Amino acid sequence: MTPRIIILLAFVCLFPISVYAQHEIFPFLAEVTTDSVNVRAGQSANFESICQLPRGEDVVVVGRSYKWHEIQLPFHARIFISDKYVILLNSMEGEINAEGVNVRAGTSIQSTILGQLDRGARVHILEKQEGWYRIEPPRSIHGWVADQFLAFKSHDVKREEKVTVSLPPQPSLEEKEGVVEPAQVVPVDKKFVSVTGYLRPCQDSEKTAVAPYELVIDNYPAYYVQGVKHILDEFAYATVTIEGTVPIDIPGRSLNLVIVVSKIQRVL
């Protein structure tokens, strides 16, 4: 066999291996390459769509079956669990009370089973439907995306697994809104707090520019949350513990209840 043929055969053999290896070392980060991509409950377009992904969104790929990639579900995926197997701890948190409880793609026992949760697992409840709870996707529950809609991005998925983040100091709400001229600013006494609740986008349209999120505690928006938005975005629609400062409640002074975040941690 001539040297030229040997080289050609070596190239043909090695090239597919290198491409295959690049994509099949799990987990890896992938980017959605088109608009409104369905995340499905199984490895076929016949399975239910549990959410859609916008172009450019990053997803963590954890496995593959034929031409489908298994991904960690985004927060807005619609998944459900029967309320018979959930003990309510408060209006937004529950605990699984049996072994092998099915998590489904819809509010029916005919809906596809996405996975199971065991006794003692905690779930965050997003909404109540008749006989069912819609829950925040646990890390162990996955969905499927056709591989043609994903492009390999990186094997560095650490940023997707971030649990705790420290944020730099932020200007106060009053400073951002420009309500008071600098020369007239009245010192505001502040105290350090650590609070746990559900982080969601601010529902008060007048405050979203300066406090993009609010912290819900016992089903009540207890704090406007001020911090670095792109970092807070990674913790949206999750139960978190926030450390930061809030104004001290002084009689006769009207203050917005704003927490300026110094550290945020996901509650797993």
Protein backbone atom coordinates (compact mmCIF):
# COMPACT_ATOMS: atom_id res chain seq x y z
CA MET A 1 0.00 0.00 0.00
CA THR A 2 1.41 3.37 -0.98
CA PRO A 3 2.11 6.09 1.60
CA ARG A 4 -0.54 8.33 -0.05
CA ILE A 5 -3.29 5.73 0.46
CA ILE A 6 -2.23 5.12 4.04
CA ILE A 7 -2.41 8.82 4.83
CA LEU A 8 -5.84 9.11 3.18
CA LEU A 9 -7.23 6.17 5.14
CA ALA A 10 -5.86 7.57 8.37
CA PHE A 11 -7.57 10.92 7.69
CA VAL A 12 -10.92 9.28 6.87
CA CYS A 13 -10.79 7.18 10.03
CA LEU A 14 -9.65 9.87 12.41
CA PHE A 15 -11.85 12.74 11.28
CA PRO A 16 -15.22 11.21 12.25
CA ILE A 17 -13.80 10.10 15.58
CA SER A 18 -12.66 13.61 16.50
CA VAL A 19 -16.04 15.16 15.61
CA TYR A 20 -17.94 12.39 17.42
CA ALA A 21 -15.76 12.76 20.51
CA GLN A 22 -16.23 16.51 20.59
CA HIS A 23 -19.99 16.16 20.90
CA GLU A 24 -20.34 12.94 22.86
CA ILE A 25 -18.38 13.76 26.00
CA PHE A 26 -21.18 14.66 28.38
CA PRO A 27 -22.18 17.05 29.75
CA PHE A 28 -21.50 19.88 27.33
CA LEU A 29 -22.92 23.31 26.60
CA ALA A 30 -24.87 23.77 23.37
CA GLU A 31 -26.51 26.76 21.72
CA VAL A 32 -29.97 26.78 20.14
CA THR A 33 -29.57 27.60 16.44
CA THR A 34 -33.12 28.52 15.39
CA ASP A 35 -36.29 30.10 16.76
CA SER A 36 -38.95 28.41 18.88
CA VAL A 37 -37.29 25.03 19.26
CA ASN A 38 -39.47 22.45 21.02
CA VAL A 39 -38.22 20.61 24.07
CA ARG A 40 -40.07 17.32 24.02
CA ALA A 41 -40.90 14.65 26.56
CA GLY A 42 -39.16 11.95 24.52
CA GLN A 43 -36.94 11.20 21.53
CA SER A 44 -39.57 11.85 18.84
CA ALA A 45 -41.67 14.70 17.48
CA ASN A 46 -44.69 12.62 18.55
CA PHE A 47 -43.99 13.36 22.23
CA GLU A 48 -45.47 16.39 23.99
CA SER A 49 -43.71 19.74 23.77
CA ILE A 50 -43.03 20.87 27.35
CA CYS A 51 -41.52 24.24 26.41
CA GLN A 52 -39.78 26.11 23.62
CA LEU A 53 -36.29 27.56 23.44
CA PRO A 54 -35.37 30.83 21.71
CA ARG A 55 -32.49 31.13 19.25
CA GLY A 56 -29.19 31.72 21.05
CA GLU A 57 -30.18 30.17 24.39
CA ASP A 58 -27.62 27.91 26.02
CA VAL A 59 -28.59 24.45 27.25
CA VAL A 60 -26.67 21.73 29.06
CA VAL A 61 -26.67 18.47 27.12
CA VAL A 62 -26.41 15.40 29.35
CA GLY A 63 -26.98 12.56 26.90
CA ARG A 64 -27.97 11.41 23.44
CA SER A 65 -30.27 8.87 21.85
CA TYR A 66 -30.10 8.52 18.06
CA LYS A 67 -30.70 12.04 16.66
CA TRP A 68 -31.99 13.54 19.91
CA HIS A 69 -30.07 15.26 22.69
CA GLU A 70 -31.12 14.94 26.33
CA ILE A 71 -30.95 18.31 28.09
CA GLN A 72 -31.38 19.82 31.52
CA LEU A 73 -34.79 21.47 31.54
CA PRO A 74 -35.05 25.25 31.64
CA PHE A 75 -37.08 26.83 34.42
CA HIS A 76 -40.10 27.53 32.18
CA ALA A 77 -40.60 23.90 31.19
CA ARG A 78 -44.12 22.80 32.10
CA ILE A 79 -43.92 19.62 34.15
CA PHE A 80 -46.42 18.25 36.64
CA ILE A 81 -46.84 15.96 39.61
CA SER A 82 -50.01 14.60 41.20
CA ASP A 83 -50.99 16.54 44.32
CA LYS A 84 -51.72 13.21 46.07
CA TYR A 85 -48.00 12.69 46.52
CA VAL A 86 -47.04 16.14 47.77
CA ILE A 87 -47.14 17.37 51.37
CA LEU A 88 -47.36 21.16 51.36
CA LEU A 89 -44.75 22.82 53.54
CA ASN A 90 -46.00 26.28 52.60
CA SER A 91 -47.80 27.85 49.65
CA MET A 92 -44.80 27.38 47.34
CA GLU A 93 -42.86 24.39 48.68
CA GLY A 94 -43.75 20.73 48.97
CA GLU A 95 -42.24 17.39 49.94
CA ILE A 96 -42.74 14.09 48.13
CA ASN A 97 -44.50 11.56 50.39
CA ALA A 98 -43.94 8.29 48.46
CA GLU A 99 -41.31 6.39 46.51
CA GLY A 100 -41.06 6.52 42.72
CA VAL A 101 -43.54 9.34 42.16
CA ASN A 102 -43.95 10.11 38.47
CA VAL A 103 -43.17 13.53 37.04
CA ARG A 104 -45.24 13.99 33.88
CA ALA A 105 -45.42 16.21 30.82
CA GLY A 106 -49.07 17.12 31.45
CA THR A 107 -51.96 16.96 33.89
CA SER A 108 -53.07 13.45 33.04
CA ILE A 109 -51.97 9.93 33.88
CA GLN A 110 -51.75 9.43 30.10
CA SER A 111 -49.09 12.17 29.86
CA THR A 112 -45.52 11.01 29.28
CA ILE A 113 -43.47 10.16 32.36
CA LEU A 114 -40.33 12.31 32.40
CA GLY A 115 -38.79 10.78 35.51
CA GLN A 116 -39.47 9.99 39.14
CA LEU A 117 -38.92 11.57 42.54
CA ASP A 118 -38.54 9.70 45.81
CA ARG A 119 -39.89 10.27 49.30
CA GLY A 120 -38.43 13.33 50.99
CA ALA A 121 -37.53 15.19 47.78
CA ARG A 122 -38.44 18.88 47.90
CA VAL A 123 -40.32 20.53 45.04
CA HIS A 124 -41.05 24.15 44.28
CA ILE A 125 -44.67 24.68 43.27
CA LEU A 126 -45.27 27.16 40.45
CA GLU A 127 -49.02 26.74 40.03
CA LYS A 128 -51.95 24.58 41.10
CA GLN A 129 -54.24 22.83 38.65
CA GLU A 130 -57.03 20.44 39.47
CA GLY A 131 -55.36 17.41 41.04
CA TRP A 132 -51.89 18.48 39.92
CA TYR A 133 -49.02 20.79 40.78
CA ARG A 134 -46.82 22.37 38.16
CA ILE A 135 -43.31 22.30 39.63
CA GLU A 136 -39.92 23.83 38.97
CA PRO A 137 -37.91 21.24 37.02
CA PRO A 138 -35.62 19.26 39.34
CA ARG A 139 -32.09 18.69 38.04
CA SER A 140 -32.79 14.97 37.62
CA ILE A 141 -35.68 15.52 35.17
CA HIS A 142 -34.66 16.04 31.53
CA GLY A 143 -36.17 16.80 28.14
CA TRP A 144 -35.21 16.11 24.52
CA VAL A 145 -34.22 18.33 21.60
CA ALA A 146 -33.56 17.24 18.02
CA ASP A 147 -29.82 17.51 17.43
CA GLN A 148 -30.29 19.55 14.24
CA PHE A 149 -31.34 22.53 16.37
CA LEU A 150 -28.29 22.53 18.66
CA ALA A 151 -24.68 23.51 18.06
CA PHE A 152 -21.83 22.43 20.30
CA LYS A 153 -20.46 25.38 22.26
CA SER A 154 -18.23 24.28 25.11
CA HIS A 155 -17.42 21.56 27.60
CA ASP A 156 -17.28 24.21 30.31
CA VAL A 157 -20.69 23.93 31.96
CA LYS A 158 -19.60 25.34 35.32
CA ARG A 159 -21.45 28.58 34.84
CA GLU A 160 -24.67 26.62 34.33
CA GLU A 161 -24.09 24.86 37.67
CA LYS A 162 -23.33 27.99 39.64
CA VAL A 163 -24.96 27.94 43.05
CA THR A 164 -23.50 30.89 44.92
CA VAL A 165 -22.52 34.27 43.52
CA SER A 166 -21.23 37.40 45.21
CA LEU A 167 -22.35 40.65 43.64
CA PRO A 168 -20.58 44.03 43.68
CA PRO A 169 -22.20 46.91 45.60
CA GLN A 170 -25.11 48.53 43.77
CA PRO A 171 -26.37 52.13 43.91
CA SER A 172 -29.52 52.60 45.93
CA LEU A 173 -32.96 52.73 44.35
CA GLU A 174 -33.17 56.43 45.18
CA GLU A 175 -29.85 57.11 43.44
CA LYS A 176 -30.87 55.20 40.31
CA GLU A 177 -34.27 56.83 40.06
CA GLY A 178 -32.82 60.28 40.62
CA VAL A 179 -35.60 61.16 43.03
CA VAL A 180 -33.33 63.28 45.19
CA GLU A 181 -30.57 65.61 44.05
CA PRO A 182 -27.11 64.57 45.36
CA ALA A 183 -26.82 67.60 47.59
CA GLN A 184 -30.15 66.79 49.23
CA VAL A 185 -29.65 63.07 49.82
CA VAL A 186 -30.70 62.11 53.31
CA PRO A 187 -28.55 59.32 54.79
CA VAL A 188 -30.47 56.08 55.02
CA ASP A 189 -29.59 53.69 57.80
CA LYS A 190 -29.27 50.14 56.54
CA LYS A 191 -29.06 46.70 58.05
CA PHE A 192 -27.72 43.38 56.80
CA VAL A 193 -30.26 40.60 56.24
CA SER A 194 -30.35 37.05 54.95
CA VAL A 195 -33.71 36.00 53.50
CA THR A 196 -35.02 33.01 51.57
CA GLY A 197 -37.79 33.11 49.00
CA TYR A 198 -38.78 32.65 45.37
CA LEU A 199 -37.06 34.95 42.88
CA ARG A 200 -39.24 36.15 40.01
CA PRO A 201 -39.29 39.13 37.62
CA CYS A 202 -40.63 42.28 39.23
CA GLN A 203 -44.37 42.67 38.68
CA ASP A 204 -44.30 46.46 39.26
CA SER A 205 -43.55 47.97 35.85
CA GLU A 206 -42.41 51.24 37.45
CA LYS A 207 -39.63 49.47 39.34
CA THR A 208 -38.32 46.99 36.75
CA ALA A 209 -35.63 49.36 35.42
CA VAL A 210 -34.01 49.68 38.83
CA ALA A 211 -35.06 46.47 40.60
CA PRO A 212 -35.62 43.81 37.92
CA TYR A 213 -36.64 41.09 40.38
CA GLU A 214 -38.70 40.62 43.49
CA LEU A 215 -38.42 38.03 46.25
CA VAL A 216 -41.66 36.25 47.10
CA ILE A 217 -42.01 34.93 50.66
CA ASP A 218 -45.14 33.04 51.74
CA ASN A 219 -46.79 33.96 48.44
CA TYR A 220 -46.20 37.69 49.04
CA PRO A 221 -43.65 39.90 47.21
CA ALA A 222 -41.61 40.88 50.26
CA TYR A 223 -38.64 42.64 48.59
CA TYR A 224 -37.62 44.36 45.42
CA VAL A 225 -34.28 42.80 44.48
CA GLN A 226 -31.49 45.00 43.21
CA GLY A 227 -28.24 43.62 41.80
CA VAL A 228 -26.34 42.76 38.65
CA LYS A 229 -29.15 41.73 36.30
CA HIS A 230 -27.30 39.17 34.17
CA ILE A 231 -26.27 37.33 37.35
CA LEU A 232 -29.74 37.50 38.87
CA ASP A 233 -31.11 36.17 35.57
CA GLU A 234 -29.36 32.85 36.25
CA PHE A 235 -31.40 32.40 39.44
CA ALA A 236 -34.80 33.46 38.06
CA TYR A 237 -37.78 31.30 39.00
CA ALA A 238 -35.85 29.47 41.71
CA THR A 239 -35.86 29.36 45.49
CA VAL A 240 -32.86 31.34 46.68
CA THR A 241 -31.23 32.70 49.80
CA ILE A 242 -30.15 36.32 49.41
CA GLU A 243 -27.72 38.19 51.64
CA GLY A 244 -27.68 41.95 51.37
CA THR A 245 -28.71 45.25 52.90
CA VAL A 246 -32.12 46.85 53.37
CA PRO A 247 -33.08 50.25 54.80
CA ILE A 248 -33.91 50.28 58.50
CA ASP A 249 -37.59 50.98 58.99
CA ILE A 250 -37.65 54.41 60.59
CA PRO A 251 -41.07 55.80 61.65
CA GLY A 252 -42.19 58.70 59.51
CA ARG A 253 -39.87 57.89 56.61
CA SER A 254 -41.31 56.32 53.48
CA LEU A 255 -38.91 53.78 52.00
CA ASN A 256 -39.24 51.17 49.31
CA LEU A 257 -38.37 47.73 50.69
CA VAL A 258 -35.37 47.08 48.46
CA ILE A 259 -32.69 44.52 49.19
CA VAL A 260 -29.32 45.29 47.61
CA VAL A 261 -27.77 41.87 46.93
CA SER A 262 -24.25 41.02 48.04
CA LYS A 263 -24.62 37.24 47.71
CA ILE A 264 -27.23 34.92 46.23
CA GLN A 265 -27.44 31.15 46.63
CA ARG A 266 -29.83 28.64 45.06
CA VAL A 267 -31.65 26.46 47.57
CA LEU A 268 -31.40 22.90 46.25
